[in-house]
N, C-alpha and C. Protein backbone atom coordinates (compact mmCIF):
# COMPACT_ATOMS: atom_id res chain seq x y z
N MET A 1 -24.43 -159.04 -10.05
CA MET A 1 -25.44 -158.07 -9.40
C MET A 1 -25.68 -157.03 -10.45
N ASP A 2 -27.03 -156.54 -10.77
CA ASP A 2 -27.21 -155.74 -11.66
C ASP A 2 -26.89 -154.34 -10.99
N LYS A 3 -26.94 -153.14 -11.92
CA LYS A 3 -26.50 -151.85 -11.43
C LYS A 3 -27.54 -151.15 -10.40
N VAL A 4 -28.69 -151.50 -10.71
CA VAL A 4 -29.86 -151.08 -9.83
C VAL A 4 -29.67 -151.51 -8.38
N ASN A 5 -29.48 -152.80 -8.19
CA ASN A 5 -29.25 -153.25 -6.93
C ASN A 5 -28.00 -152.89 -6.17
N GLU A 6 -26.87 -152.79 -7.18
CA GLU A 6 -25.62 -152.27 -6.68
C GLU A 6 -25.81 -150.81 -6.01
N PHE A 7 -26.30 -150.05 -6.82
CA PHE A 7 -26.63 -148.52 -6.42
C PHE A 7 -27.46 -148.64 -4.98
N ILE A 8 -28.60 -149.32 -4.94
CA ILE A 8 -29.32 -149.55 -3.81
C ILE A 8 -28.30 -149.79 -2.53
N ILE A 9 -27.70 -150.63 -2.73
CA ILE A 9 -26.82 -151.26 -1.57
C ILE A 9 -25.71 -150.13 -1.26
N LEU A 10 -25.18 -149.59 -2.23
CA LEU A 10 -24.14 -148.54 -2.08
C LEU A 10 -24.67 -147.43 -1.40
N LYS A 11 -25.66 -147.02 -1.52
CA LYS A 11 -26.40 -145.80 -1.00
C LYS A 11 -26.53 -146.18 0.52
N HIS A 12 -27.18 -147.11 0.47
CA HIS A 12 -27.65 -147.77 2.00
C HIS A 12 -26.34 -147.71 2.99
N ASN A 13 -25.31 -148.18 2.49
CA ASN A 13 -23.89 -148.41 2.98
C ASN A 13 -23.48 -147.05 3.41
N ILE A 14 -23.58 -146.07 2.51
CA ILE A 14 -22.79 -144.73 2.62
C ILE A 14 -23.99 -144.20 3.68
N LEU A 15 -25.22 -144.38 3.89
CA LEU A 15 -25.98 -143.64 4.94
C LEU A 15 -25.94 -144.33 6.09
N GLN A 16 -25.31 -145.48 6.41
CA GLN A 16 -25.16 -146.35 7.58
C GLN A 16 -23.48 -145.98 8.06
N CYS A 17 -22.71 -145.50 7.34
CA CYS A 17 -21.34 -145.50 7.54
C CYS A 17 -21.03 -144.65 8.66
N LYS A 18 -20.14 -145.15 9.45
CA LYS A 18 -19.93 -144.41 10.71
C LYS A 18 -18.26 -144.59 11.01
N ASN A 19 -17.49 -144.73 10.00
CA ASN A 19 -16.11 -144.84 9.97
C ASN A 19 -15.32 -143.90 10.58
N CYS A 20 -15.84 -142.45 10.47
CA CYS A 20 -15.18 -141.26 10.84
C CYS A 20 -15.35 -140.92 12.34
N GLU A 21 -16.18 -141.69 13.00
CA GLU A 21 -16.68 -141.12 14.31
C GLU A 21 -15.43 -141.20 15.35
N ASN A 22 -14.50 -141.90 15.31
CA ASN A 22 -13.12 -141.42 16.14
C ASN A 22 -12.54 -140.37 15.70
N ILE A 23 -12.56 -139.95 14.45
CA ILE A 23 -11.63 -138.81 13.87
C ILE A 23 -12.65 -137.64 14.23
N PHE A 24 -14.08 -137.64 14.12
CA PHE A 24 -14.63 -136.32 14.06
C PHE A 24 -15.05 -136.01 15.84
N GLY A 25 -15.07 -137.13 16.61
CA GLY A 25 -15.54 -137.01 18.00
C GLY A 25 -16.90 -136.85 18.28
N PHE A 26 -17.63 -137.13 17.18
CA PHE A 26 -19.14 -137.16 17.29
C PHE A 26 -19.65 -137.93 16.33
N LYS A 27 -20.98 -138.45 16.32
CA LYS A 27 -21.60 -139.18 15.57
C LYS A 27 -21.71 -138.78 14.20
N PRO A 28 -21.15 -139.26 13.00
CA PRO A 28 -21.22 -139.01 11.79
C PRO A 28 -22.78 -138.99 11.31
N ASN A 29 -23.01 -138.12 10.38
CA ASN A 29 -24.50 -138.12 9.80
C ASN A 29 -24.33 -138.01 8.31
N PRO A 30 -24.10 -139.08 7.67
CA PRO A 30 -23.80 -139.20 6.13
C PRO A 30 -24.89 -138.53 5.26
N ILE A 31 -24.85 -137.59 4.42
CA ILE A 31 -25.78 -137.19 3.56
C ILE A 31 -25.40 -137.51 2.15
N VAL A 32 -26.40 -137.80 1.41
CA VAL A 32 -26.19 -138.02 -0.07
C VAL A 32 -27.78 -138.00 -0.50
N HIS A 33 -27.83 -137.56 -1.78
CA HIS A 33 -29.27 -137.19 -2.01
C HIS A 33 -29.31 -137.35 -3.67
N GLY A 34 -30.20 -138.07 -4.12
CA GLY A 34 -30.51 -138.51 -5.72
C GLY A 34 -30.74 -140.00 -5.99
N ASN A 35 -30.81 -140.09 -7.31
CA ASN A 35 -31.11 -141.69 -7.76
C ASN A 35 -30.10 -142.18 -8.69
N LEU A 36 -30.20 -143.22 -9.31
CA LEU A 36 -29.20 -143.87 -10.14
C LEU A 36 -29.48 -143.13 -11.47
N ASN A 37 -30.52 -142.28 -11.60
CA ASN A 37 -30.62 -141.72 -12.98
C ASN A 37 -30.77 -140.26 -13.01
N SER A 38 -30.18 -139.67 -11.93
CA SER A 38 -30.03 -138.08 -11.77
C SER A 38 -29.58 -137.48 -12.90
N LYS A 39 -29.88 -136.44 -13.40
CA LYS A 39 -29.38 -135.79 -14.65
C LYS A 39 -27.98 -135.12 -14.31
N ILE A 40 -27.92 -134.38 -13.17
CA ILE A 40 -26.56 -133.90 -12.70
C ILE A 40 -26.02 -134.32 -11.57
N VAL A 41 -24.75 -134.89 -11.35
CA VAL A 41 -24.07 -135.01 -10.22
C VAL A 41 -23.32 -134.02 -9.66
N GLN A 42 -23.54 -133.44 -8.59
CA GLN A 42 -23.21 -132.38 -7.90
C GLN A 42 -22.23 -132.62 -6.70
N ILE A 43 -20.99 -132.36 -7.01
CA ILE A 43 -19.98 -132.86 -5.92
C ILE A 43 -19.32 -131.67 -5.24
N SER A 44 -19.43 -131.50 -3.79
CA SER A 44 -18.57 -130.31 -3.18
C SER A 44 -17.78 -131.12 -2.14
N GLN A 45 -17.34 -130.26 -1.31
CA GLN A 45 -15.95 -130.77 -0.24
C GLN A 45 -16.94 -131.57 0.89
N ALA A 46 -17.78 -131.02 1.57
CA ALA A 46 -18.64 -131.53 2.71
C ALA A 46 -19.59 -131.07 3.09
N PRO A 47 -20.60 -131.66 3.67
CA PRO A 47 -21.84 -130.90 4.15
C PRO A 47 -21.34 -129.91 5.14
N SER A 48 -22.17 -128.81 5.47
CA SER A 48 -21.96 -127.76 6.43
C SER A 48 -22.62 -128.35 7.96
N TYR A 49 -22.29 -127.69 8.85
CA TYR A 49 -23.05 -127.89 10.09
C TYR A 49 -24.47 -127.89 9.97
N ASN A 50 -24.89 -126.95 9.36
CA ASN A 50 -26.49 -126.75 9.31
C ASN A 50 -27.16 -128.02 8.38
N VAL A 51 -26.61 -128.32 7.47
CA VAL A 51 -26.77 -129.55 6.66
C VAL A 51 -26.75 -130.72 7.58
N HIS A 52 -25.69 -130.98 8.23
CA HIS A 52 -25.37 -132.06 9.47
C HIS A 52 -26.87 -132.01 10.30
N ILE A 53 -27.22 -130.90 10.56
CA ILE A 53 -28.50 -130.96 11.62
C ILE A 53 -29.74 -131.18 10.88
N THR A 54 -29.94 -130.79 9.65
CA THR A 54 -31.29 -130.69 9.04
C THR A 54 -31.20 -131.98 8.10
N GLN A 55 -30.16 -132.48 7.85
CA GLN A 55 -30.17 -133.71 6.83
C GLN A 55 -30.73 -133.26 5.41
N ARG A 56 -30.45 -131.86 5.18
CA ARG A 56 -30.93 -131.47 3.88
C ARG A 56 -29.86 -130.81 3.01
N PRO A 57 -29.29 -131.36 2.00
CA PRO A 57 -27.97 -130.79 1.39
C PRO A 57 -28.11 -129.41 1.07
N PHE A 58 -27.24 -128.59 1.10
CA PHE A 58 -27.09 -127.18 0.69
C PHE A 58 -28.36 -126.51 1.25
N ASN A 59 -28.63 -126.78 2.59
CA ASN A 59 -29.74 -126.05 3.31
C ASN A 59 -28.98 -125.08 4.11
N ASP A 60 -28.35 -124.07 3.56
CA ASP A 60 -27.64 -123.07 4.33
C ASP A 60 -27.36 -122.07 3.46
N ALA A 61 -26.47 -120.88 3.95
CA ALA A 61 -26.42 -119.69 3.01
C ALA A 61 -25.49 -120.14 1.63
N SER A 62 -24.72 -120.97 1.59
CA SER A 62 -24.08 -121.36 0.39
C SER A 62 -25.09 -121.96 -0.55
N GLY A 63 -26.01 -122.89 -0.02
CA GLY A 63 -26.97 -123.21 -0.93
C GLY A 63 -27.99 -122.40 -1.52
N ARG A 64 -28.35 -121.20 -0.78
CA ARG A 64 -29.35 -120.14 -1.06
C ARG A 64 -28.82 -119.52 -2.33
N LYS A 65 -27.41 -119.10 -2.22
CA LYS A 65 -26.72 -118.63 -3.30
C LYS A 65 -26.64 -119.39 -4.55
N LEU A 66 -26.37 -120.67 -4.30
CA LEU A 66 -26.01 -121.73 -5.35
C LEU A 66 -27.47 -122.00 -5.95
N LYS A 67 -28.59 -122.20 -5.47
CA LYS A 67 -29.81 -122.61 -5.93
C LYS A 67 -30.53 -121.28 -6.77
N TYR A 68 -30.70 -120.18 -5.92
CA TYR A 68 -31.51 -119.04 -6.28
C TYR A 68 -30.69 -118.15 -7.01
N LYS A 69 -29.69 -117.79 -6.80
CA LYS A 69 -28.93 -116.55 -7.59
C LYS A 69 -28.21 -117.35 -8.93
N TRP A 70 -27.25 -118.39 -8.49
CA TRP A 70 -26.53 -119.02 -9.69
C TRP A 70 -27.36 -119.70 -10.53
N TYR A 71 -27.99 -120.70 -9.99
CA TYR A 71 -28.75 -121.75 -10.93
C TYR A 71 -30.07 -121.01 -11.19
N LYS A 72 -30.40 -120.24 -10.35
CA LYS A 72 -32.03 -119.64 -10.61
C LYS A 72 -33.09 -120.65 -10.79
N ILE A 73 -33.10 -121.67 -9.82
CA ILE A 73 -34.03 -122.62 -9.50
C ILE A 73 -34.60 -122.66 -8.13
N ASN A 74 -35.76 -123.32 -8.08
CA ASN A 74 -36.33 -123.30 -6.79
C ASN A 74 -36.07 -124.62 -6.08
N ASP A 75 -36.45 -124.91 -4.90
CA ASP A 75 -36.20 -126.18 -4.04
C ASP A 75 -36.77 -127.22 -4.73
N GLU A 76 -38.02 -127.10 -5.38
CA GLU A 76 -38.69 -128.32 -6.01
C GLU A 76 -37.74 -129.05 -6.89
N ILE A 77 -37.10 -127.98 -7.64
CA ILE A 77 -36.26 -128.48 -8.87
C ILE A 77 -35.16 -129.27 -8.45
N PHE A 78 -34.30 -128.41 -7.30
CA PHE A 78 -33.13 -128.81 -6.89
C PHE A 78 -33.08 -130.04 -6.21
N TYR A 79 -34.21 -130.39 -5.28
CA TYR A 79 -34.17 -131.34 -4.58
C TYR A 79 -35.08 -132.75 -5.10
N ASN A 80 -35.42 -132.43 -6.31
CA ASN A 80 -35.98 -133.50 -7.18
C ASN A 80 -34.86 -134.47 -7.54
N GLU A 81 -34.84 -135.85 -7.16
CA GLU A 81 -33.86 -136.70 -7.26
C GLU A 81 -33.58 -137.03 -8.65
N ASP A 82 -34.44 -136.79 -9.45
CA ASP A 82 -34.36 -137.03 -10.90
C ASP A 82 -33.34 -135.87 -11.78
N ASN A 83 -33.35 -134.90 -10.97
CA ASN A 83 -32.56 -133.71 -11.53
C ASN A 83 -31.17 -133.75 -10.87
N PHE A 84 -31.02 -133.66 -9.57
CA PHE A 84 -29.69 -133.87 -8.97
C PHE A 84 -29.15 -134.80 -8.09
N TYR A 85 -28.05 -135.34 -8.12
CA TYR A 85 -27.56 -136.46 -7.21
C TYR A 85 -26.59 -135.44 -6.53
N ILE A 86 -26.62 -135.11 -5.26
CA ILE A 86 -25.91 -134.32 -4.48
C ILE A 86 -25.05 -135.23 -3.58
N THR A 87 -23.74 -134.96 -3.74
CA THR A 87 -22.81 -135.87 -2.95
C THR A 87 -21.52 -134.98 -2.61
N ALA A 88 -20.52 -135.53 -1.94
CA ALA A 88 -19.33 -134.69 -1.68
C ALA A 88 -18.20 -135.62 -1.50
N LEU A 89 -16.95 -135.03 -1.21
CA LEU A 89 -15.63 -135.85 -0.95
C LEU A 89 -15.76 -136.57 0.54
N SER A 90 -16.65 -135.78 1.27
CA SER A 90 -16.86 -136.29 2.57
C SER A 90 -18.47 -136.37 2.72
N HIS A 91 -19.06 -137.18 2.92
CA HIS A 91 -20.40 -137.22 3.14
C HIS A 91 -20.95 -136.68 4.33
N CYS A 92 -20.01 -136.45 5.26
CA CYS A 92 -20.44 -135.92 6.65
C CYS A 92 -19.96 -134.58 6.99
N PHE A 93 -20.57 -133.87 7.83
CA PHE A 93 -19.71 -132.81 8.31
C PHE A 93 -18.58 -133.14 9.19
N PRO A 94 -17.34 -132.61 8.89
CA PRO A 94 -16.12 -133.17 9.46
C PRO A 94 -15.83 -132.30 10.71
N GLY A 95 -16.62 -131.35 11.17
CA GLY A 95 -16.22 -130.87 12.44
C GLY A 95 -15.72 -129.23 12.17
N LYS A 96 -15.58 -128.53 13.34
CA LYS A 96 -14.87 -127.24 13.08
C LYS A 96 -13.56 -127.20 13.62
N THR A 97 -12.84 -126.27 13.03
CA THR A 97 -11.21 -125.99 13.41
C THR A 97 -11.41 -124.97 14.59
N LEU A 98 -10.35 -124.79 15.34
CA LEU A 98 -10.36 -123.66 16.33
C LEU A 98 -10.36 -122.44 15.99
N LYS A 99 -10.40 -122.00 14.46
CA LYS A 99 -10.54 -120.75 13.92
C LYS A 99 -11.93 -120.65 13.65
N GLY A 100 -12.84 -121.69 13.59
CA GLY A 100 -14.25 -121.46 13.33
C GLY A 100 -14.65 -122.12 12.05
N GLY A 101 -13.72 -122.32 11.10
CA GLY A 101 -13.95 -122.90 9.83
C GLY A 101 -14.26 -124.37 9.84
N ASP A 102 -14.71 -124.98 8.84
CA ASP A 102 -14.83 -126.36 8.81
C ASP A 102 -13.46 -127.01 8.43
N LYS A 103 -13.42 -128.24 9.17
CA LYS A 103 -12.19 -129.05 9.05
C LYS A 103 -12.33 -129.48 7.51
N LEU A 104 -11.02 -129.95 7.16
CA LEU A 104 -10.69 -130.55 5.77
C LEU A 104 -11.72 -131.91 5.90
N PRO A 105 -11.99 -132.30 4.61
CA PRO A 105 -12.74 -133.66 4.92
C PRO A 105 -11.74 -134.77 4.66
N PRO A 106 -12.01 -135.98 5.40
CA PRO A 106 -11.28 -137.09 5.17
C PRO A 106 -11.32 -137.73 3.90
N LEU A 107 -10.07 -137.88 3.03
CA LEU A 107 -10.12 -138.22 1.67
C LEU A 107 -10.62 -139.76 1.74
N SER A 108 -10.31 -140.49 2.82
CA SER A 108 -10.63 -141.74 2.82
C SER A 108 -12.19 -142.19 2.60
N CYS A 109 -12.92 -141.01 2.81
CA CYS A 109 -14.56 -141.30 2.57
C CYS A 109 -14.60 -141.22 0.96
N ALA A 110 -13.98 -140.35 0.27
CA ALA A 110 -14.16 -140.25 -1.11
C ALA A 110 -13.43 -141.62 -1.73
N ARG A 111 -12.34 -141.77 -1.30
CA ARG A 111 -11.78 -142.99 -1.94
C ARG A 111 -12.64 -144.28 -1.92
N MET A 112 -13.42 -144.41 -0.66
CA MET A 112 -14.33 -145.73 -0.24
C MET A 112 -15.56 -145.60 -1.00
N TRP A 113 -16.19 -144.47 -1.20
CA TRP A 113 -17.65 -144.31 -1.48
C TRP A 113 -17.72 -143.60 -3.13
N LEU A 114 -17.08 -142.34 -3.09
CA LEU A 114 -17.37 -141.53 -4.04
C LEU A 114 -17.10 -142.02 -5.48
N GLN A 115 -16.06 -142.45 -5.67
CA GLN A 115 -15.49 -143.24 -6.98
C GLN A 115 -16.61 -144.10 -7.54
N LYS A 116 -17.17 -144.97 -6.33
CA LYS A 116 -18.23 -145.94 -6.89
C LYS A 116 -19.17 -145.47 -7.38
N GLU A 117 -19.88 -144.29 -6.49
CA GLU A 117 -21.09 -143.52 -6.92
C GLU A 117 -21.15 -143.16 -8.25
N ILE A 118 -20.10 -142.29 -8.64
CA ILE A 118 -20.12 -141.52 -9.84
C ILE A 118 -19.81 -142.69 -11.06
N SER A 119 -19.26 -143.74 -10.64
CA SER A 119 -19.06 -144.80 -11.86
C SER A 119 -20.68 -145.41 -12.14
N LEU A 120 -21.46 -145.46 -11.10
CA LEU A 120 -22.92 -145.98 -11.27
C LEU A 120 -23.81 -145.08 -11.87
N ILE A 121 -23.90 -143.89 -11.59
CA ILE A 121 -24.92 -142.86 -11.82
C ILE A 121 -24.78 -142.74 -13.39
N ASN A 122 -26.01 -142.62 -14.07
CA ASN A 122 -26.26 -142.28 -15.39
C ASN A 122 -26.60 -140.94 -15.72
N ASN A 123 -25.68 -139.95 -15.04
CA ASN A 123 -26.06 -138.45 -15.33
C ASN A 123 -25.41 -138.08 -16.49
N SER A 124 -25.86 -136.77 -16.86
CA SER A 124 -25.47 -136.29 -18.14
C SER A 124 -24.17 -135.28 -17.87
N ILE A 125 -24.19 -134.57 -16.85
CA ILE A 125 -22.92 -133.66 -16.50
C ILE A 125 -22.51 -134.03 -15.07
N TYR A 126 -21.46 -133.18 -14.80
CA TYR A 126 -21.15 -133.09 -13.33
C TYR A 126 -20.79 -131.73 -13.16
N ILE A 127 -21.21 -131.20 -11.89
CA ILE A 127 -20.95 -129.83 -11.18
C ILE A 127 -20.00 -130.01 -10.07
N ILE A 128 -18.80 -129.64 -10.25
CA ILE A 128 -17.71 -129.73 -9.03
C ILE A 128 -17.55 -128.54 -8.45
N ILE A 129 -17.89 -128.58 -6.95
CA ILE A 129 -17.85 -127.29 -6.49
C ILE A 129 -16.86 -127.05 -5.34
N GLY A 130 -15.84 -126.11 -5.67
CA GLY A 130 -14.91 -125.69 -4.84
C GLY A 130 -13.44 -126.49 -5.06
N ARG A 131 -12.66 -125.84 -4.65
CA ARG A 131 -11.01 -126.02 -4.83
C ARG A 131 -10.79 -127.58 -4.23
N LYS A 132 -11.23 -127.95 -3.13
CA LYS A 132 -10.79 -129.17 -2.80
C LYS A 132 -11.48 -130.35 -3.58
N ALA A 133 -12.64 -130.14 -3.97
CA ALA A 133 -13.22 -131.20 -4.82
C ALA A 133 -12.50 -131.13 -6.28
N ALA A 134 -12.25 -130.06 -6.66
CA ALA A 134 -11.55 -129.81 -8.10
C ALA A 134 -10.18 -130.53 -8.01
N ASP A 135 -9.54 -130.36 -7.15
CA ASP A 135 -8.21 -130.67 -6.69
C ASP A 135 -8.14 -132.46 -6.59
N PHE A 136 -9.27 -133.04 -6.28
CA PHE A 136 -9.36 -134.58 -5.97
C PHE A 136 -9.56 -135.05 -7.32
N PHE A 137 -10.23 -134.28 -8.07
CA PHE A 137 -10.54 -135.00 -9.55
C PHE A 137 -9.54 -134.55 -10.63
N PHE A 138 -8.94 -133.38 -10.34
CA PHE A 138 -7.85 -132.74 -11.40
C PHE A 138 -6.75 -132.33 -10.75
N PRO A 139 -5.94 -133.15 -10.06
CA PRO A 139 -5.02 -132.73 -9.04
C PRO A 139 -4.00 -131.99 -9.76
N LYS A 140 -3.75 -132.07 -11.00
CA LYS A 140 -2.42 -131.24 -11.45
C LYS A 140 -2.96 -130.20 -12.35
N GLU A 141 -4.13 -129.85 -12.27
CA GLU A 141 -4.72 -128.75 -13.22
C GLU A 141 -4.67 -127.36 -12.14
N ASN A 142 -4.70 -126.40 -13.06
CA ASN A 142 -4.75 -124.88 -12.37
C ASN A 142 -6.17 -124.70 -11.95
N TYR A 143 -6.67 -124.37 -10.79
CA TYR A 143 -7.93 -124.40 -10.18
C TYR A 143 -8.74 -123.24 -11.25
N VAL A 144 -8.28 -121.95 -11.34
CA VAL A 144 -8.92 -121.03 -11.91
C VAL A 144 -9.25 -121.17 -13.40
N ASN A 145 -8.21 -122.14 -14.21
CA ASN A 145 -8.33 -122.43 -15.43
C ASN A 145 -9.35 -123.33 -15.35
N LEU A 146 -9.44 -124.33 -14.51
CA LEU A 146 -10.64 -125.46 -14.54
C LEU A 146 -12.16 -124.65 -14.49
N ILE A 147 -12.26 -123.58 -13.68
CA ILE A 147 -13.61 -123.01 -13.49
C ILE A 147 -13.84 -122.21 -14.93
N PHE A 148 -12.91 -121.80 -15.72
CA PHE A 148 -13.23 -121.05 -16.63
C PHE A 148 -13.28 -121.83 -18.15
N GLN A 149 -13.22 -123.12 -17.73
CA GLN A 149 -13.10 -124.22 -19.20
C GLN A 149 -14.08 -125.38 -18.71
N ASN A 150 -14.53 -125.96 -19.85
CA ASN A 150 -15.24 -127.22 -19.60
C ASN A 150 -14.30 -128.26 -19.44
N ASN A 151 -14.45 -129.30 -18.68
CA ASN A 151 -13.36 -130.44 -18.44
C ASN A 151 -14.28 -131.64 -18.63
N ARG A 152 -13.62 -132.71 -18.74
CA ARG A 152 -14.13 -133.99 -18.73
C ARG A 152 -13.85 -135.06 -17.58
N LEU A 153 -14.80 -135.51 -17.22
CA LEU A 153 -14.78 -136.76 -16.09
C LEU A 153 -15.60 -138.01 -16.51
N ASN A 154 -15.26 -138.89 -16.62
CA ASN A 154 -15.87 -140.25 -16.95
C ASN A 154 -16.39 -140.04 -18.50
N GLU A 155 -15.66 -139.27 -19.32
CA GLU A 155 -16.23 -139.15 -20.73
C GLU A 155 -17.48 -138.21 -20.84
N LYS A 156 -17.64 -137.33 -19.38
CA LYS A 156 -18.84 -136.41 -19.49
C LYS A 156 -18.26 -135.11 -19.25
N THR A 157 -19.34 -134.00 -19.60
CA THR A 157 -18.82 -132.62 -19.24
C THR A 157 -18.72 -132.45 -17.73
N ALA A 158 -17.62 -131.85 -17.13
CA ALA A 158 -17.53 -131.66 -15.77
C ALA A 158 -17.16 -130.14 -15.66
N ILE A 159 -18.08 -129.63 -14.86
CA ILE A 159 -17.96 -128.02 -14.75
C ILE A 159 -17.46 -127.73 -13.36
N VAL A 160 -16.48 -126.99 -13.33
CA VAL A 160 -15.99 -126.62 -11.94
C VAL A 160 -16.43 -125.18 -11.52
N ILE A 161 -16.99 -124.86 -10.46
CA ILE A 161 -17.45 -123.65 -10.04
C ILE A 161 -16.72 -123.53 -8.67
N PRO A 162 -16.49 -122.15 -8.48
CA PRO A 162 -15.99 -121.79 -7.09
C PRO A 162 -17.01 -122.04 -6.09
N HIS A 163 -16.83 -122.25 -4.76
CA HIS A 163 -17.70 -122.55 -3.51
C HIS A 163 -18.43 -121.16 -3.34
N PRO A 164 -19.66 -121.43 -3.23
CA PRO A 164 -20.79 -119.95 -3.16
C PRO A 164 -20.50 -119.50 -1.76
N SER A 165 -19.68 -119.97 -0.76
CA SER A 165 -19.82 -119.68 0.59
C SER A 165 -19.47 -118.38 0.73
N PRO A 166 -20.29 -117.73 1.78
CA PRO A 166 -19.92 -116.32 2.06
C PRO A 166 -18.55 -115.96 2.61
N LEU A 167 -17.76 -117.11 3.07
CA LEU A 167 -16.34 -116.96 3.18
C LEU A 167 -15.46 -116.85 1.87
N ASN A 168 -16.02 -117.05 0.76
CA ASN A 168 -15.15 -117.15 -0.20
C ASN A 168 -15.29 -115.52 -1.14
N ILE A 169 -15.63 -114.58 -0.42
CA ILE A 169 -15.79 -113.16 -1.03
C ILE A 169 -14.55 -112.86 -1.82
N LYS A 170 -13.47 -112.98 -1.07
CA LYS A 170 -12.34 -112.60 -1.69
C LYS A 170 -11.96 -113.01 -3.28
N TRP A 171 -12.40 -114.32 -3.31
CA TRP A 171 -12.26 -114.88 -4.62
C TRP A 171 -13.07 -114.19 -5.60
N PHE A 172 -14.13 -113.96 -5.24
CA PHE A 172 -15.23 -113.29 -6.33
C PHE A 172 -14.87 -111.85 -6.62
N LYS A 173 -14.35 -111.35 -5.63
CA LYS A 173 -13.58 -109.85 -5.84
C LYS A 173 -12.32 -109.85 -6.75
N GLU A 174 -11.82 -110.87 -6.83
CA GLU A 174 -10.63 -111.00 -7.63
C GLU A 174 -11.06 -111.74 -9.02
N HIS A 175 -12.04 -112.09 -9.06
CA HIS A 175 -12.52 -112.68 -10.26
C HIS A 175 -13.95 -112.39 -10.74
N PRO A 176 -14.09 -111.03 -11.03
CA PRO A 176 -15.61 -110.65 -11.15
C PRO A 176 -16.11 -111.36 -12.67
N GLU A 177 -15.25 -111.67 -13.28
CA GLU A 177 -15.47 -112.19 -14.78
C GLU A 177 -16.31 -113.68 -14.45
N PHE A 178 -16.28 -114.21 -13.28
CA PHE A 178 -16.85 -115.47 -13.02
C PHE A 178 -18.54 -115.22 -13.20
N GLU A 179 -18.80 -114.52 -12.34
CA GLU A 179 -20.32 -114.10 -12.25
C GLU A 179 -20.91 -113.35 -13.70
N ARG A 180 -19.92 -112.57 -14.33
CA ARG A 180 -20.14 -111.65 -15.42
C ARG A 180 -20.47 -112.40 -16.56
N ASP A 181 -19.31 -113.43 -16.82
CA ASP A 181 -19.05 -114.10 -18.10
C ASP A 181 -19.24 -115.59 -18.04
N ARG A 182 -18.74 -116.22 -17.04
CA ARG A 182 -18.87 -117.75 -16.98
C ARG A 182 -20.27 -118.27 -16.49
N LEU A 183 -20.65 -117.66 -15.46
CA LEU A 183 -21.86 -118.13 -14.84
C LEU A 183 -23.29 -118.19 -15.83
N PRO A 184 -23.34 -117.32 -16.53
CA PRO A 184 -24.56 -117.49 -17.53
C PRO A 184 -24.37 -118.79 -18.61
N TYR A 185 -23.26 -119.17 -18.88
CA TYR A 185 -23.15 -120.09 -19.60
C TYR A 185 -23.49 -121.58 -18.73
N ILE A 186 -22.73 -121.46 -17.33
CA ILE A 186 -23.04 -122.66 -16.49
C ILE A 186 -24.60 -122.77 -16.31
N ARG A 187 -25.26 -121.54 -16.01
CA ARG A 187 -26.73 -121.71 -15.85
C ARG A 187 -27.37 -122.33 -16.86
N ASN A 188 -27.23 -121.87 -18.12
CA ASN A 188 -27.74 -122.24 -19.17
C ASN A 188 -27.46 -123.83 -19.49
N LYS A 189 -26.40 -124.18 -19.12
CA LYS A 189 -26.11 -125.68 -19.29
C LYS A 189 -26.82 -126.48 -18.40
N ILE A 190 -27.10 -126.12 -17.21
CA ILE A 190 -27.81 -126.75 -16.25
C ILE A 190 -29.16 -126.51 -16.66
N LEU A 191 -29.97 -125.75 -16.89
CA LEU A 191 -31.32 -125.60 -17.35
C LEU A 191 -31.71 -126.41 -18.48
N GLU A 192 -30.58 -126.43 -19.44
CA GLU A 192 -30.67 -127.35 -20.54
C GLU A 192 -30.51 -128.91 -20.39
N THR A 193 -29.78 -129.33 -19.47
CA THR A 193 -29.77 -130.41 -19.00
C THR A 193 -30.79 -131.06 -18.23
N LEU A 194 -31.46 -129.88 -17.58
CA LEU A 194 -32.61 -130.45 -16.84
C LEU A 194 -34.03 -130.24 -17.59
N GLN A 195 -33.84 -129.74 -18.87
CA GLN A 195 -34.96 -129.68 -19.88
C GLN A 195 -35.85 -128.54 -19.12
N LEU A 196 -35.47 -127.54 -18.76
CA LEU A 196 -36.28 -126.52 -18.21
C LEU A 196 -36.27 -125.18 -19.20
């Protein structure tokens, strides 16, 4: 089977997947966005509840900070499938904990789908968002060190960034050098990759 058809079938199967319905207690709504030749593969932990409802990735407070403040791009650029392939460890919103936060994503999803996705896509760089996603790909590495250095995944540059969630305020207060020193490099790398 050629790579194009393999990718089409894979994406179809991800979007039809309901493997975690018994775990979640509600109907899963897989979210994946992009094409075989997306320039940037962006991998996070899992879609939020708002993304689960709207079926539009990063259509929430985290997404607004990521797109408009950090990347400094608009929705037209971000949602252009030639630009970004947007996926996650868990392709579905995993539900809420009793304390109100999102549950951890089932890693069975990443093992079943994500590894295959990233082996097929002809991207230039990876953006890996948040500690859970970073730990999946770099399990023995220090999270903060990963953020402040360029990493390699599938022989390509892999940039790790903290999650832009409003719940992550403590991390940003403890590491002001991220937005001051590291973020301008990351933004320039993204714009360069997108040829903007």
